[in-house]
Amino acid sequence: METYEITLDGKQYELLKSMLNCDRRADLIRKIPINGKELFYDMIHEIYSPVTDGWSTREIVLNESADALNLLRFMTKQIFPNDENYFVRQIGRKWANFRFEKDCTIIIYKN
């Protein structure tokens, strides 16, 4: 299993922290490696949840989530250098259809 280390600035770090579930947020704060699939799933779920909750549309969410999408692309590029939209294309998929071929953990540092 590969371990990736990603350094975020303060704004990116706070945004990521707000996107993660409680357990992964605690791991982020303690700098404990986070399962890559779970980390990216949390991010995608957070971006897309207004649509699944029924109070928004995909187009509105994608337009209003620019910072979150930029963070998702930035982090994706660390794992898939040639395809920063790897996870963006998966927004709207259910957990069973979520693809992530790499078995890895990610450690996030705040710059």
C-alpha atoms as a PDB file:
ATOM      1  CA  MET A   1       0.000   0.000   0.000  1.00  0.00           C
ATOM      2  CA  GLU A   2       1.363   3.391  -1.006  1.00  0.00           C
ATOM      3  CA  THR A   3       1.310   6.398   1.288  1.00  0.00           C
ATOM      4  CA  TYR A   4       0.981   9.850  -0.226  1.00  0.00           C
ATOM      5  CA  GLU A   5       1.833  13.030   1.638  1.00  0.00           C
ATOM      6  CA  ILE A   6      -0.033  16.170   0.616  1.00  0.00           C
ATOM      7  CA  THR A   7       0.633  19.656   1.956  1.00  0.00           C
ATOM      8  CA  LEU A   8      -2.235  22.145   1.948  1.00  0.00           C
ATOM      9  CA  ASP A   9      -2.318  25.825   2.765  1.00  0.00           C
ATOM     10  CA  GLY A  10      -4.464  26.980   5.693  1.00  0.00           C
ATOM     11  CA  LYS A  11      -7.571  27.700   3.613  1.00  0.00           C
ATOM     12  CA  GLN A  12      -7.395  24.350   1.795  1.00  0.00           C
ATOM     13  CA  TYR A  13      -6.804  22.515   5.069  1.00  0.00           C
ATOM     14  CA  GLU A  14      -9.841  24.103   6.758  1.00  0.00           C
ATOM     15  CA  LEU A  15     -12.008  23.352   3.724  1.00  0.00           C
ATOM     16  CA  LEU A  16     -10.896  19.718   3.709  1.00  0.00           C
ATOM     17  CA  LYS A  17     -11.503  19.449   7.446  1.00  0.00           C
ATOM     18  CA  SER A  18     -15.083  20.650   6.937  1.00  0.00           C
ATOM     19  CA  MET A  19     -15.656  18.042   4.222  1.00  0.00           C
ATOM     20  CA  LEU A  20     -14.624  14.954   6.190  1.00  0.00           C
ATOM     21  CA  ASN A  21     -16.691  12.808   8.519  1.00  0.00           C
ATOM     22  CA  CYS A  22     -15.862  12.923  12.256  1.00  0.00           C
ATOM     23  CA  ASP A  23     -13.458   9.961  12.323  1.00  0.00           C
ATOM     24  CA  ARG A  24     -11.446  11.073   9.309  1.00  0.00           C
ATOM     25  CA  ARG A  25     -11.452  14.682  10.564  1.00  0.00           C
ATOM     26  CA  ALA A  26      -9.868  13.450  13.813  1.00  0.00           C
ATOM     27  CA  ASP A  27      -7.280  11.476  11.823  1.00  0.00           C
ATOM     28  CA  LEU A  28      -6.530  14.560   9.729  1.00  0.00           C
ATOM     29  CA  ILE A  29      -5.930  16.672  12.817  1.00  0.00           C
ATOM     30  CA  ARG A  30      -3.696  14.000  14.399  1.00  0.00           C
ATOM     31  CA  LYS A  31      -1.843  13.450  11.069  1.00  0.00           C
ATOM     32  CA  ILE A  32      -2.829   9.786  10.993  1.00  0.00           C
ATOM     33  CA  PRO A  33      -2.862   8.225   7.503  1.00  0.00           C
ATOM     34  CA  ILE A  34      -6.364   8.218   6.009  1.00  0.00           C
ATOM     35  CA  ASN A  35      -7.594   5.560   3.600  1.00  0.00           C
ATOM     36  CA  GLY A  36      -7.530   7.230   0.168  1.00  0.00           C
ATOM     37  CA  LYS A  37     -10.827   5.823  -1.036  1.00  0.00           C
ATOM     38  CA  GLU A  38     -12.636   6.981   2.104  1.00  0.00           C
ATOM     39  CA  LEU A  39     -11.050  10.431   1.986  1.00  0.00           C
ATOM     40  CA  PHE A  40     -12.045  11.105  -1.616  1.00  0.00           C
ATOM     41  CA  TYR A  41     -15.482   9.602  -1.106  1.00  0.00           C
ATOM     42  CA  ASP A  42     -16.098  11.998   1.797  1.00  0.00           C
ATOM     43  CA  MET A  43     -15.075  14.933  -0.371  1.00  0.00           C
ATOM     44  CA  ILE A  44     -17.301  13.909  -3.275  1.00  0.00           C
ATOM     45  CA  HIS A  45     -20.214  13.170  -0.960  1.00  0.00           C
ATOM     46  CA  GLU A  46     -19.892  16.586   0.691  1.00  0.00           C
ATOM     47  CA  ILE A  47     -19.848  18.366  -2.668  1.00  0.00           C
ATOM     48  CA  TYR A  48     -22.818  16.417  -4.040  1.00  0.00           C
ATOM     49  CA  SER A  49     -24.997  16.037  -0.914  1.00  0.00           C
ATOM     50  CA  PRO A  50     -27.231  19.081  -1.640  1.00  0.00           C
ATOM     51  CA  VAL A  51     -28.380  17.261  -4.785  1.00  0.00           C
ATOM     52  CA  THR A  52     -29.025  13.945  -3.049  1.00  0.00           C
ATOM     53  CA  ASP A  53     -30.803  15.770  -0.224  1.00  0.00           C
ATOM     54  CA  GLY A  54     -33.097  17.263  -2.843  1.00  0.00           C
ATOM     55  CA  TRP A  55     -32.592  20.983  -2.262  1.00  0.00           C
ATOM     56  CA  SER A  56     -30.303  21.722  -5.215  1.00  0.00           C
ATOM     57  CA  THR A  57     -29.346  20.559  -8.689  1.00  0.00           C
ATOM     58  CA  ARG A  58     -26.080  19.136  -9.942  1.00  0.00           C
ATOM     59  CA  GLU A  59     -25.424  22.200 -12.128  1.00  0.00           C
ATOM     60  CA  ILE A  60     -25.929  24.629  -9.237  1.00  0.00           C
ATOM     61  CA  VAL A  61     -23.775  22.556  -6.890  1.00  0.00           C
ATOM     62  CA  LEU A  62     -20.948  22.331  -9.403  1.00  0.00           C
ATOM     63  CA  ASN A  63     -21.082  26.101  -9.983  1.00  0.00           C
ATOM     64  CA  GLU A  64     -21.218  26.960  -6.275  1.00  0.00           C
ATOM     65  CA  SER A  65     -18.557  24.464  -5.196  1.00  0.00           C
ATOM     66  CA  ALA A  66     -15.602  26.001  -7.028  1.00  0.00           C
ATOM     67  CA  ASP A  67     -13.263  25.995  -4.002  1.00  0.00           C
ATOM     68  CA  ALA A  68     -14.158  22.421  -3.086  1.00  0.00           C
ATOM     69  CA  LEU A  69     -13.744  21.251  -6.687  1.00  0.00           C
ATOM     70  CA  ASN A  70     -10.380  23.012  -6.958  1.00  0.00           C
ATOM     71  CA  LEU A  71      -9.249  21.298  -3.754  1.00  0.00           C
ATOM     72  CA  LEU A  72     -10.491  17.940  -5.068  1.00  0.00           C
ATOM     73  CA  ARG A  73      -8.568  18.472  -8.322  1.00  0.00           C
ATOM     74  CA  PHE A  74      -5.424  19.604  -6.465  1.00  0.00           C
ATOM     75  CA  MET A  75      -5.429  16.517  -4.252  1.00  0.00           C
ATOM     76  CA  THR A  76      -6.322  14.204  -7.144  1.00  0.00           C
ATOM     77  CA  LYS A  77      -3.339  15.496  -9.100  1.00  0.00           C
ATOM     78  CA  GLN A  78      -1.048  14.276  -6.304  1.00  0.00           C
ATOM     79  CA  ILE A  79      -2.344  10.722  -6.841  1.00  0.00           C
ATOM     80  CA  PHE A  80      -3.094  10.827 -10.589  1.00  0.00           C
ATOM     81  CA  PRO A  81      -0.657  13.393 -12.056  1.00  0.00           C
ATOM     82  CA  ASN A  82      -2.105  13.042 -15.562  1.00  0.00           C
ATOM     83  CA  ASP A  83      -5.803  13.159 -14.641  1.00  0.00           C
ATOM     84  CA  GLU A  84      -6.804  15.819 -12.115  1.00  0.00           C
ATOM     85  CA  ASN A  85     -10.491  15.290 -12.993  1.00  0.00           C
ATOM     86  CA  TYR A  86     -10.457  11.587 -12.083  1.00  0.00           C
ATOM     87  CA  PHE A  87     -12.759  12.129  -9.087  1.00  0.00           C
ATOM     88  CA  VAL A  88     -14.662  15.138 -10.434  1.00  0.00           C
ATOM     89  CA  ARG A  89     -16.057  12.855 -13.152  1.00  0.00           C
ATOM     90  CA  GLN A  90     -17.386  10.551 -10.426  1.00  0.00           C
ATOM     91  CA  ILE A  91     -19.523  13.173  -8.700  1.00  0.00           C
ATOM     92  CA  GLY A  92     -23.041  11.813  -8.468  1.00  0.00           C
ATOM     93  CA  ARG A  93     -22.084   8.137  -8.341  1.00  0.00           C
ATOM     94  CA  LYS A  94     -23.159   5.909  -5.512  1.00  0.00           C
ATOM     95  CA  TRP A  95     -20.599   4.278  -3.212  1.00  0.00           C
ATOM     96  CA  ALA A  96     -20.959   0.943  -5.053  1.00  0.00           C
ATOM     97  CA  ASN A  97     -19.998   2.640  -8.348  1.00  0.00           C
ATOM     98  CA  PHE A  98     -17.194   4.782  -6.924  1.00  0.00           C
ATOM     99  CA  ARG A  99     -13.874   3.889  -8.582  1.00  0.00           C
ATOM    100  CA  PHE A 100     -10.444   4.194  -7.027  1.00  0.00           C
ATOM    101  CA  GLU A 101      -7.984   1.627  -8.315  1.00  0.00           C
ATOM    102  CA  LYS A 102      -5.124   2.566  -5.990  1.00  0.00           C
ATOM    103  CA  ASP A 103      -4.831   1.050  -2.546  1.00  0.00           C
ATOM    104  CA  CYS A 104      -3.264   3.902  -0.628  1.00  0.00           C
ATOM    105  CA  THR A 105      -3.295   6.041   2.451  1.00  0.00           C
ATOM    106  CA  ILE A 106      -2.883   9.785   2.540  1.00  0.00           C
ATOM    107  CA  ILE A 107      -1.297  11.998   5.172  1.00  0.00           C
ATOM    108  CA  ILE A 108      -2.266  15.659   5.000  1.00  0.00           C
ATOM    109  CA  TYR A 109      -0.015  18.420   6.313  1.00  0.00           C
ATOM    110  CA  LYS A 110      -0.918  22.048   6.875  1.00  0.00           C
ATOM    111  CA  ASN A 111       1.565  24.552   5.493  1.00  0.00           C
END
